PDB file of N, CA and C in Angstrom:
ATOM      1  N   MET A   1      -7.337 -74.199-106.950  1.00  0.00           N
ATOM      2  CA  MET A   1      -8.812 -73.904-107.037  1.00  0.00           C
ATOM      3  C   MET A   1      -9.671 -75.144-107.110  1.00  0.00           C
ATOM      4  N   ASP A   2     -10.697 -74.929-106.148  1.00  0.00           N
ATOM      5  CA  ASP A   2     -11.718 -76.045-106.247  1.00  0.00           C
ATOM      6  C   ASP A   2     -12.700 -75.881-107.441  1.00  0.00           C
ATOM      7  N   THR A   3     -13.070 -77.014-107.929  1.00  0.00           N
ATOM      8  CA  THR A   3     -14.097 -77.012-109.126  1.00  0.00           C
ATOM      9  C   THR A   3     -15.249 -78.061-108.798  1.00  0.00           C
ATOM     10  N   ILE A   4     -16.194 -77.789-109.629  1.00  0.00           N
ATOM     11  CA  ILE A   4     -17.570 -78.550-109.348  1.00  0.00           C
ATOM     12  C   ILE A   4     -18.105 -78.781-110.776  1.00  0.00           C
ATOM     13  N   THR A   5     -18.653 -79.946-110.954  1.00  0.00           N
ATOM     14  CA  THR A   5     -19.428 -80.066-112.226  1.00  0.00           C
ATOM     15  C   THR A   5     -20.719 -79.524-111.987  1.00  0.00           C
ATOM     16  N   VAL A   6     -21.280 -79.205-113.244  1.00  0.00           N
ATOM     17  CA  VAL A   6     -22.670 -78.701-113.286  1.00  0.00           C
ATOM     18  C   VAL A   6     -23.724 -79.606-112.586  1.00  0.00           C
ATOM     19  N   ALA A   7     -23.619 -80.961-112.799  1.00  0.00           N
ATOM     20  CA  ALA A   7     -24.478 -82.072-112.094  1.00  0.00           C
ATOM     21  C   ALA A   7     -24.308 -81.808-110.668  1.00  0.00           C
ATOM     22  N   GLU A   8     -23.009 -81.784-110.125  1.00  0.00           N
ATOM     23  CA  GLU A   8     -22.871 -81.605-108.715  1.00  0.00           C
ATOM     24  C   GLU A   8     -23.427 -80.315-108.135  1.00  0.00           C
ATOM     25  N   LEU A   9     -23.313 -79.266-108.755  1.00  0.00           N
ATOM     26  CA  LEU A   9     -23.771 -78.104-108.338  1.00  0.00           C
ATOM     27  C   LEU A   9     -25.319 -78.091-108.368  1.00  0.00           C
ATOM     28  N   ALA A  10     -25.876 -78.687-109.318  1.00  0.00           N
ATOM     29  CA  ALA A  10     -27.460 -78.767-109.466  1.00  0.00           C
ATOM     30  C   ALA A  10     -28.013 -79.661-108.214  1.00  0.00           C
ATOM     31  N   ALA A  11     -27.218 -80.499-107.793  1.00  0.00           N
ATOM     32  CA  ALA A  11     -27.582 -81.204-106.720  1.00  0.00           C
ATOM     33  C   ALA A  11     -27.563 -80.671-105.280  1.00  0.00           C
ATOM     34  N   LEU A  12     -26.894 -79.535-105.043  1.00  0.00           N
ATOM     35  CA  LEU A  12     -26.583 -78.830-103.888  1.00  0.00           C
ATOM     36  C   LEU A  12     -27.873 -78.146-103.780  1.00  0.00           C
ATOM     37  N   LYS A  13     -28.453 -77.829-102.457  1.00  0.00           N
ATOM     38  CA  LYS A  13     -29.368 -77.011-101.898  1.00  0.00           C
ATOM     39  C   LYS A  13     -28.880 -75.804-101.682  1.00  0.00           C
ATOM     40  N   ASP A  14     -29.593 -74.463-102.043  1.00  0.00           N
ATOM     41  CA  ASP A  14     -29.349 -73.212-101.794  1.00  0.00           C
ATOM     42  C   ASP A  14     -27.724 -72.689-102.054  1.00  0.00           C
ATOM     43  N   ALA A  15     -27.203 -73.273-103.092  1.00  0.00           N
ATOM     44  CA  ALA A  15     -25.899 -72.944-103.498  1.00  0.00           C
ATOM     45  C   ALA A  15     -25.957 -71.494-104.062  1.00  0.00           C
ATOM     46  N   ALA A  16     -24.891 -70.677-103.557  1.00  0.00           N
ATOM     47  CA  ALA A  16     -24.875 -69.145-103.900  1.00  0.00           C
ATOM     48  C   ALA A  16     -23.963 -69.156-105.367  1.00  0.00           C
ATOM     49  N   ILE A  17     -24.773 -69.138-106.261  1.00  0.00           N
ATOM     50  CA  ILE A  17     -24.145 -69.191-107.732  1.00  0.00           C
ATOM     51  C   ILE A  17     -23.952 -67.694-108.175  1.00  0.00           C
ATOM     52  N   ILE A  18     -22.759 -67.307-108.635  1.00  0.00           N
ATOM     53  CA  ILE A  18     -22.493 -66.130-109.046  1.00  0.00           C
ATOM     54  C   ILE A  18     -22.183 -66.433-110.561  1.00  0.00           C
ATOM     55  N   ASP A  19     -22.845 -65.657-111.345  1.00  0.00           N
ATOM     56  CA  ASP A  19     -22.475 -65.538-112.952  1.00  0.00           C
ATOM     57  C   ASP A  19     -21.876 -64.366-113.079  1.00  0.00           C
ATOM     58  N   VAL A  20     -20.592 -64.655-113.793  1.00  0.00           N
ATOM     59  CA  VAL A  20     -19.670 -63.527-113.869  1.00  0.00           C
ATOM     60  C   VAL A  20     -19.534 -62.976-115.374  1.00  0.00           C
ATOM     61  N   ARG A  21     -20.474 -63.413-116.145  1.00  0.00           N
ATOM     62  CA  ARG A  21     -20.731 -62.967-117.666  1.00  0.00           C
ATOM     63  C   ARG A  21     -21.197 -61.520-117.727  1.00  0.00           C
ATOM     64  N   GLU A  22     -21.223 -60.912-118.503  1.00  0.00           N
ATOM     65  CA  GLU A  22     -21.669 -59.592-118.945  1.00  0.00           C
ATOM     66  C   GLU A  22     -23.201 -59.573-118.923  1.00  0.00           C
ATOM     67  N   PRO A  23     -23.737 -58.360-118.628  1.00  0.00           N
ATOM     68  CA  PRO A  23     -25.316 -58.392-118.418  1.00  0.00           C
ATOM     69  C   PRO A  23     -25.912 -58.995-119.686  1.00  0.00           C
ATOM     70  N   ASP A  24     -25.589 -58.558-120.873  1.00  0.00           N
ATOM     71  CA  ASP A  24     -26.329 -59.192-121.994  1.00  0.00           C
ATOM     72  C   ASP A  24     -26.254 -60.610-122.052  1.00  0.00           C
ATOM     73  N   GLU A  25     -25.171 -61.322-121.696  1.00  0.00           N
ATOM     74  CA  GLU A  25     -25.021 -62.591-121.672  1.00  0.00           C
ATOM     75  C   GLU A  25     -25.800 -63.533-120.507  1.00  0.00           C
ATOM     76  N   PHE A  26     -25.855 -62.715-119.599  1.00  0.00           N
ATOM     77  CA  PHE A  26     -26.778 -63.196-118.288  1.00  0.00           C
ATOM     78  C   PHE A  26     -28.182 -63.082-118.735  1.00  0.00           C
ATOM     79  N   ALA A  27     -28.605 -62.074-119.349  1.00  0.00           N
ATOM     80  CA  ALA A  27     -30.005 -61.810-119.778  1.00  0.00           C
ATOM     81  C   ALA A  27     -30.521 -62.835-120.588  1.00  0.00           C
ATOM     82  N   ALA A  28     -29.513 -63.362-121.748  1.00  0.00           N
ATOM     83  CA  ALA A  28     -30.030 -64.136-122.668  1.00  0.00           C
ATOM     84  C   ALA A  28     -30.220 -65.645-122.217  1.00  0.00           C
ATOM     85  N   VAL A  29     -29.490 -66.193-121.118  1.00  0.00           N
ATOM     86  CA  VAL A  29     -29.653 -67.615-120.664  1.00  0.00           C
ATOM     87  C   VAL A  29     -28.729 -67.579-119.301  1.00  0.00           C
ATOM     88  N   ARG A  30     -29.297 -68.267-118.236  1.00  0.00           N
ATOM     89  CA  ARG A  30     -28.537 -68.338-117.189  1.00  0.00           C
ATOM     90  C   ARG A  30     -29.074 -69.640-116.296  1.00  0.00           C
ATOM     91  N   ALA A  31     -28.219 -70.143-115.362  1.00  0.00           N
ATOM     92  CA  ALA A  31     -28.666 -71.152-114.627  1.00  0.00           C
ATOM     93  C   ALA A  31     -29.625 -70.654-113.562  1.00  0.00           C
ATOM     94  N   VAL A  32     -30.663 -71.444-113.478  1.00  0.00           N
ATOM     95  CA  VAL A  32     -31.742 -70.859-112.543  1.00  0.00           C
ATOM     96  C   VAL A  32     -31.071 -70.698-111.031  1.00  0.00           C
ATOM     97  N   GLY A  33     -31.428 -69.496-110.332  1.00  0.00           N
ATOM     98  CA  GLY A  33     -30.845 -69.112-109.199  1.00  0.00           C
ATOM     99  C   GLY A  33     -29.642 -68.259-109.233  1.00  0.00           C
ATOM    100  N   ALA A  34     -28.916 -68.297-110.342  1.00  0.00           N
ATOM    101  CA  ALA A  34     -27.694 -67.554-110.501  1.00  0.00           C
ATOM    102  C   ALA A  34     -27.997 -65.997-110.236  1.00  0.00           C
ATOM    103  N   VAL A  35     -26.917 -65.366-109.655  1.00  0.00           N
ATOM    104  CA  VAL A  35     -26.997 -63.777-109.291  1.00  0.00           C
ATOM    105  C   VAL A  35     -25.930 -63.299-110.285  1.00  0.00           C
ATOM    106  N   SER A  36     -26.211 -62.174-110.894  1.00  0.00           N
ATOM    107  CA  SER A  36     -25.203 -61.519-111.910  1.00  0.00           C
ATOM    108  C   SER A  36     -24.179 -60.694-111.054  1.00  0.00           C
ATOM    109  N   ILE A  37     -22.957 -60.724-111.184  1.00  0.00           N
ATOM    110  CA  ILE A  37     -22.005 -59.869-110.719  1.00  0.00           C
ATOM    111  C   ILE A  37     -20.793 -60.099-111.969  1.00  0.00           C
ATOM    112  N   PRO A  38     -20.864 -59.249-112.938  1.00  0.00           N
ATOM    113  CA  PRO A  38     -20.083 -59.448-114.109  1.00  0.00           C
ATOM    114  C   PRO A  38     -18.617 -59.205-113.466  1.00  0.00           C
ATOM    115  N   MET A  39     -17.657 -60.024-114.217  1.00  0.00           N
ATOM    116  CA  MET A  39     -16.182 -59.765-114.055  1.00  0.00           C
ATOM    117  C   MET A  39     -15.733 -58.365-113.973  1.00  0.00           C
ATOM    118  N   SER A  40     -16.450 -57.704-115.078  1.00  0.00           N
ATOM    119  CA  SER A  40     -15.945 -56.365-115.078  1.00  0.00           C
ATOM    120  C   SER A  40     -16.377 -55.327-113.854  1.00  0.00           C
ATOM    121  N   GLN A  41     -17.154 -55.794-113.111  1.00  0.00           N
ATOM    122  CA  GLN A  41     -17.623 -55.089-111.978  1.00  0.00           C
ATOM    123  C   GLN A  41     -17.259 -55.710-110.718  1.00  0.00           C
ATOM    124  N   PHE A  42     -16.513 -56.751-110.642  1.00  0.00           N
ATOM    125  CA  PHE A  42     -16.477 -57.420-109.587  1.00  0.00           C
ATOM    126  C   PHE A  42     -15.487 -56.855-108.425  1.00  0.00           C
ATOM    127  N   VAL A  43     -14.378 -56.136-108.877  1.00  0.00           N
ATOM    128  CA  VAL A  43     -13.723 -55.546-107.819  1.00  0.00           C
ATOM    129  C   VAL A  43     -14.371 -54.417-107.005  1.00  0.00           C
ATOM    130  N   GLU A  44     -15.464 -53.605-107.873  1.00  0.00           N
ATOM    131  CA  GLU A  44     -16.206 -52.598-106.945  1.00  0.00           C
ATOM    132  C   GLU A  44     -17.421 -53.343-106.312  1.00  0.00           C
ATOM    133  N   ARG A  45     -17.777 -54.493-106.658  1.00  0.00           N
ATOM    134  CA  ARG A  45     -18.876 -55.289-105.989  1.00  0.00           C
ATOM    135  C   ARG A  45     -18.648 -56.201-105.115  1.00  0.00           C
ATOM    136  N   ILE A  46     -17.395 -56.468-104.639  1.00  0.00           N
ATOM    137  CA  ILE A  46     -16.976 -57.643-103.659  1.00  0.00           C
ATOM    138  C   ILE A  46     -17.464 -57.427-102.364  1.00  0.00           C
ATOM    139  N   GLY A  47     -17.828 -56.207-101.958  1.00  0.00           N
ATOM    140  CA  GLY A  47     -18.385 -55.912-100.634  1.00  0.00           C
ATOM    141  C   GLY A  47     -19.624 -56.337-100.436  1.00  0.00           C
ATOM    142  N   GLU A  48     -20.154 -56.872-101.685  1.00  0.00           N
ATOM    143  CA  GLU A  48     -21.798 -57.383-101.654  1.00  0.00           C
ATOM    144  C   GLU A  48     -21.673 -58.806-101.053  1.00  0.00           C
ATOM    145  N   LEU A  49     -20.481 -59.385-101.136  1.00  0.00           N
ATOM    146  CA  LEU A  49     -20.401 -60.923-100.740  1.00  0.00           C
ATOM    147  C   LEU A  49     -20.179 -60.993 -99.212  1.00  0.00           C
ATOM    148  N   PRO A  50     -20.947 -61.896 -98.597  1.00  0.00           N
ATOM    149  CA  PRO A  50     -20.617 -62.135 -97.179  1.00  0.00           C
ATOM    150  C   PRO A  50     -19.383 -63.122 -97.135  1.00  0.00           C
ATOM    151  N   ALA A  51     -18.509 -62.868 -96.227  1.00  0.00           N
ATOM    152  CA  ALA A  51     -17.230 -63.585 -96.087  1.00  0.00           C
ATOM    153  C   ALA A  51     -17.390 -65.027 -95.552  1.00  0.00           C
ATOM    154  N   ASP A  52     -18.340 -65.360 -95.090  1.00  0.00           N
ATOM    155  CA  ASP A  52     -18.530 -66.616 -94.578  1.00  0.00           C
ATOM    156  C   ASP A  52     -19.365 -67.780 -95.389  1.00  0.00           C
ATOM    157  N   GLU A  53     -19.462 -67.545 -96.564  1.00  0.00           N
ATOM    158  CA  GLU A  53     -20.239 -68.263 -97.682  1.00  0.00           C
ATOM    159  C   GLU A  53     -19.381 -68.834 -98.626  1.00  0.00           C
ATOM    160  N   THR A  54     -19.757 -69.895 -99.345  1.00  0.00           N
ATOM    161  CA  THR A  54     -19.017 -70.534-100.459  1.00  0.00           C
ATOM    162  C   THR A  54     -19.834 -70.008-101.693  1.00  0.00           C
ATOM    163  N   PHE A  55     -18.861 -69.647-102.608  1.00  0.00           N
ATOM    164  CA  PHE A  55     -19.469 -69.108-103.949  1.00  0.00           C
ATOM    165  C   PHE A  55     -19.191 -69.955-105.028  1.00  0.00           C
ATOM    166  N   TYR A  56     -20.121 -70.248-105.707  1.00  0.00           N
ATOM    167  CA  TYR A  56     -19.937 -71.049-107.027  1.00  0.00           C
ATOM    168  C   TYR A  56     -19.935 -70.150-108.119  1.00  0.00           C
ATOM    169  N   LEU A  57     -18.949 -69.975-108.829  1.00  0.00           N
ATOM    170  CA  LEU A  57     -18.755 -69.039-109.886  1.00  0.00           C
ATOM    171  C   LEU A  57     -18.890 -69.780-111.417  1.00  0.00           C
ATOM    172  N   ILE A  58     -19.702 -69.132-112.086  1.00  0.00           N
ATOM    173  CA  ILE A  58     -19.946 -69.527-113.531  1.00  0.00           C
ATOM    174  C   ILE A  58     -19.913 -68.485-114.544  1.00  0.00           C
ATOM    175  N   CYS A  59     -19.485 -68.988-115.772  1.00  0.00           N
ATOM    176  CA  CYS A  59     -19.336 -68.053-116.765  1.00  0.00           C
ATOM    177  C   CYS A  59     -19.865 -68.935-117.982  1.00  0.00           C
ATOM    178  N   ALA A  60     -19.382 -68.458-119.157  1.00  0.00           N
ATOM    179  CA  ALA A  60     -19.826 -69.206-120.418  1.00  0.00           C
ATOM    180  C   ALA A  60     -19.227 -70.596-120.326  1.00  0.00           C
ATOM    181  N   SER A  61     -17.956 -70.692-120.225  1.00  0.00           N
ATOM    182  CA  SER A  61     -17.162 -71.967-120.291  1.00  0.00           C
ATOM    183  C   SER A  61     -16.331 -72.297-119.241  1.00  0.00           C
ATOM    184  N   GLY A  62     -16.219 -71.389-118.355  1.00  0.00           N
ATOM    185  CA  GLY A  62     -15.315 -71.862-117.065  1.00  0.00           C
ATOM    186  C   GLY A  62     -14.005 -70.958-116.863  1.00  0.00           C
ATOM    187  N   ALA A  63     -13.697 -70.280-117.995  1.00  0.00           N
ATOM    188  CA  ALA A  63     -12.274 -69.339-118.003  1.00  0.00           C
ATOM    189  C   ALA A  63     -12.435 -68.173-117.232  1.00  0.00           C
ATOM    190  N   ARG A  64     -13.364 -67.322-117.275  1.00  0.00           N
ATOM    191  CA  ARG A  64     -13.585 -66.094-116.570  1.00  0.00           C
ATOM    192  C   ARG A  64     -13.954 -66.408-115.158  1.00  0.00           C
ATOM    193  N   SER A  65     -14.631 -67.440-115.032  1.00  0.00           N
ATOM    194  CA  SER A  65     -15.032 -67.698-113.573  1.00  0.00           C
ATOM    195  C   SER A  65     -13.960 -68.207-112.778  1.00  0.00           C
ATOM    196  N   ALA A  66     -12.903 -68.848-113.581  1.00  0.00           N
ATOM    197  CA  ALA A  66     -11.849 -69.233-112.689  1.00  0.00           C
ATOM    198  C   ALA A  66     -10.742 -68.298-112.381  1.00  0.00           C
ATOM    199  N   ARG A  67     -10.831 -67.184-113.300  1.00  0.00           N
ATOM    200  CA  ARG A  67     -10.013 -66.091-112.842  1.00  0.00           C
ATOM    201  C   ARG A  67     -10.647 -65.318-111.549  1.00  0.00           C
ATOM    202  N   VAL A  68     -11.998 -65.322-111.620  1.00  0.00           N
ATOM    203  CA  VAL A  68     -12.629 -64.649-110.567  1.00  0.00           C
ATOM    204  C   VAL A  68     -12.580 -65.472-109.122  1.00  0.00           C
ATOM    205  N   ALA A  69     -12.506 -66.761-109.313  1.00  0.00           N
ATOM    206  CA  ALA A  69     -12.369 -67.670-108.274  1.00  0.00           C
ATOM    207  C   ALA A  69     -11.096 -67.342-107.642  1.00  0.00           C
ATOM    208  N   GLU A  70      -9.958 -67.265-108.392  1.00  0.00           N
ATOM    209  CA  GLU A  70      -8.564 -66.951-107.985  1.00  0.00           C
ATOM    210  C   GLU A  70      -8.525 -65.707-107.124  1.00  0.00           C
ATOM    211  N   TYR A  71      -9.340 -64.651-107.802  1.00  0.00           N
ATOM    212  CA  TYR A  71      -9.314 -63.355-107.149  1.00  0.00           C
ATOM    213  C   TYR A  71      -9.841 -63.490-105.698  1.00  0.00           C
ATOM    214  N   LEU A  72     -11.054 -64.154-105.755  1.00  0.00           N
ATOM    215  CA  LEU A  72     -11.857 -64.299-104.351  1.00  0.00           C
ATOM    216  C   LEU A  72     -10.902 -65.008-103.374  1.00  0.00           C
ATOM    217  N   GLU A  73     -10.176 -66.197-103.805  1.00  0.00           N
ATOM    218  CA  GLU A  73      -9.471 -66.932-102.878  1.00  0.00           C
ATOM    219  C   GLU A  73      -8.283 -66.077-102.354  1.00  0.00           C
ATOM    220  N   ASP A  74      -7.715 -65.475-103.306  1.00  0.00           N
ATOM    221  CA  ASP A  74      -6.743 -64.356-102.722  1.00  0.00           C
ATOM    222  C   ASP A  74      -7.031 -63.456-101.542  1.00  0.00           C
ATOM    223  N   ARG A  75      -8.322 -63.396-101.443  1.00  0.00           N
ATOM    224  CA  ARG A  75      -8.895 -62.425-100.459  1.00  0.00           C
ATOM    225  C   ARG A  75      -9.774 -63.266 -99.376  1.00  0.00           C
ATOM    226  N   ASP A  76      -9.388 -64.464 -99.317  1.00  0.00           N
ATOM    227  CA  ASP A  76      -9.850 -65.617 -98.326  1.00  0.00           C
ATOM    228  C   ASP A  76     -11.236 -65.643 -98.281  1.00  0.00           C
ATOM    229  N   TYR A  77     -11.889 -65.682 -99.425  1.00  0.00           N
ATOM    230  CA  TYR A  77     -13.258 -66.256 -99.812  1.00  0.00           C
ATOM    231  C   TYR A  77     -13.170 -67.595-100.204  1.00  0.00           C
ATOM    232  N   ARG A  78     -14.290 -68.236 -99.874  1.00  0.00           N
ATOM    233  CA  ARG A  78     -14.405 -69.695-100.395  1.00  0.00           C
ATOM    234  C   ARG A  78     -15.045 -69.620-101.746  1.00  0.00           C
ATOM    235  N   ALA A  79     -14.447 -69.985-102.820  1.00  0.00           N
ATOM    236  CA  ALA A  79     -14.832 -69.885-104.212  1.00  0.00           C
ATOM    237  C   ALA A  79     -14.685 -71.156-104.781  1.00  0.00           C
ATOM    238  N   VAL A  80     -15.569 -71.762-105.727  1.00  0.00           N
ATOM    239  CA  VAL A  80     -15.516 -72.849-106.388  1.00  0.00           C
ATOM    240  C   VAL A  80     -15.894 -72.544-107.859  1.00  0.00           C
ATOM    241  N   ASN A  81     -15.116 -73.099-108.743  1.00  0.00           N
ATOM    242  CA  ASN A  81     -15.201 -72.864-110.143  1.00  0.00           C
ATOM    243  C   ASN A  81     -16.259 -73.885-110.831  1.00  0.00           C
ATOM    244  N   VAL A  82     -17.122 -73.544-111.656  1.00  0.00           N
ATOM    245  CA  VAL A  82     -18.243 -74.436-112.271  1.00  0.00           C
ATOM    246  C   VAL A  82     -17.583 -75.011-113.403  1.00  0.00           C
ATOM    247  N   GLU A  83     -17.089 -76.124-113.627  1.00  0.00           N
ATOM    248  CA  GLU A  83     -16.509 -76.737-114.972  1.00  0.00           C
ATOM    249  C   GLU A  83     -17.560 -76.792-116.112  1.00  0.00           C
ATOM    250  N   GLY A  84     -17.115 -76.074-117.232  1.00  0.00           N
ATOM    251  CA  GLY A  84     -17.743 -75.892-118.419  1.00  0.00           C
ATOM    252  C   GLY A  84     -18.874 -74.948-118.485  1.00  0.00           C
ATOM    253  N   GLY A  85     -18.950 -74.228-117.311  1.00  0.00           N
ATOM    254  CA  GLY A  85     -19.880 -72.998-117.417  1.00  0.00           C
ATOM    255  C   GLY A  85     -21.273 -73.281-117.835  1.00  0.00           C
ATOM    256  N   THR A  86     -21.867 -72.173-118.100  1.00  0.00           N
ATOM    257  CA  THR A  86     -23.360 -72.232-118.617  1.00  0.00           C
ATOM    258  C   THR A  86     -23.573 -73.090-119.854  1.00  0.00           C
ATOM    259  N   HIS A  87     -22.511 -73.163-120.768  1.00  0.00           N
ATOM    260  CA  HIS A  87     -22.708 -74.218-121.879  1.00  0.00           C
ATOM    261  C   HIS A  87     -22.763 -75.513-121.455  1.00  0.00           C
ATOM    262  N   ALA A  88     -22.133 -76.028-120.422  1.00  0.00           N
ATOM    263  CA  ALA A  88     -22.138 -77.333-119.835  1.00  0.00           C
ATOM    264  C   ALA A  88     -23.498 -77.479-119.086  1.00  0.00           C
ATOM    265  N   TRP A  89     -24.020 -76.504-118.393  1.00  0.00           N
ATOM    266  CA  TRP A  89     -25.282 -76.414-117.709  1.00  0.00           C
ATOM    267  C   TRP A  89     -26.534 -76.648-118.758  1.00  0.00           C
ATOM    268  N   GLN A  90     -26.431 -75.934-119.874  1.00  0.00           N
ATOM    269  CA  GLN A  90     -27.455 -76.078-120.736  1.00  0.00           C
ATOM    270  C   GLN A  90     -27.347 -77.608-121.402  1.00  0.00           C
ATOM    271  N   ASP A  91     -26.133 -77.865-121.883  1.00  0.00           N
ATOM    272  CA  ASP A  91     -25.876 -79.224-122.556  1.00  0.00           C
ATOM    273  C   ASP A  91     -26.337 -80.445-121.530  1.00  0.00           C
ATOM    274  N   ALA A  92     -26.315 -80.181-120.343  1.00  0.00           N
ATOM    275  CA  ALA A  92     -26.844 -81.390-119.365  1.00  0.00           C
ATOM    276  C   ALA A  92     -28.369 -81.303-119.016  1.00  0.00           C
ATOM    277  N   GLY A  93     -29.151 -80.205-119.877  1.00  0.00           N
ATOM    278  CA  GLY A  93     -30.395 -80.152-119.766  1.00  0.00           C
ATOM    279  C   GLY A  93     -30.947 -79.526-118.326  1.00  0.00           C
ATOM    280  N   LEU A  94     -30.163 -78.878-117.690  1.00  0.00           N
ATOM    281  CA  LEU A  94     -30.288 -78.360-116.325  1.00  0.00           C
ATOM    282  C   LEU A  94     -31.190 -76.938-116.534  1.00  0.00           C
ATOM    283  N   PRO A  95     -32.094 -76.660-115.628  1.00  0.00           N
ATOM    284  CA  PRO A  95     -33.108 -75.551-115.470  1.00  0.00           C
ATOM    285  C   PRO A  95     -32.289 -74.168-115.852  1.00  0.00           C
ATOM    286  N   THR A  96     -32.790 -73.377-116.795  1.00  0.00           N
ATOM    287  CA  THR A  96     -32.325 -72.005-117.022  1.00  0.00           C
ATOM    288  C   THR A  96     -33.457 -71.079-117.028  1.00  0.00           C
ATOM    289  N   SER A  97     -33.079 -69.840-116.915  1.00  0.00           N
ATOM    290  CA  SER A  97     -33.985 -68.668-117.004  1.00  0.00           C
ATOM    291  C   SER A  97     -33.366 -67.665-117.895  1.00  0.00           C
ATOM    292  N   GLN A  98     -34.269 -66.834-118.340  1.00  0.00           N
ATOM    293  CA  GLN A  98     -33.997 -65.821-119.217  1.00  0.00           C
ATOM    294  C   GLN A  98     -34.595 -64.451-118.925  1.00  0.00           C
ATOM    295  N   GLY A  99     -33.991 -63.353-119.405  1.00  0.00           N
ATOM    296  CA  GLY A  99     -34.692 -61.971-119.083  1.00  0.00           C
ATOM    297  C   GLY A  99     -33.974 -61.273-118.057  1.00  0.00           C
TER     298      GLY A  99
END
């Protein structure tokens, strides 16, 4: 599985960031630009993802997003796990949003 640091991800333009945490976690704080598709809904919502894009998966610490990345890779999607997740994003002082 491919991985990326939060600093490397922040340097990319127009990266498709998918936050796989639950809605309450996503509402509390998230990386700017992240879209919510909770791990608990991923199987039902995989059809929302275009097959020709690379997806950067983020959760709280990197564990759940790694599982979703493996799921996507098994289905021939390009998926990259964000090391350290949202905690690392916040610790690095990168932009977040809430609500």
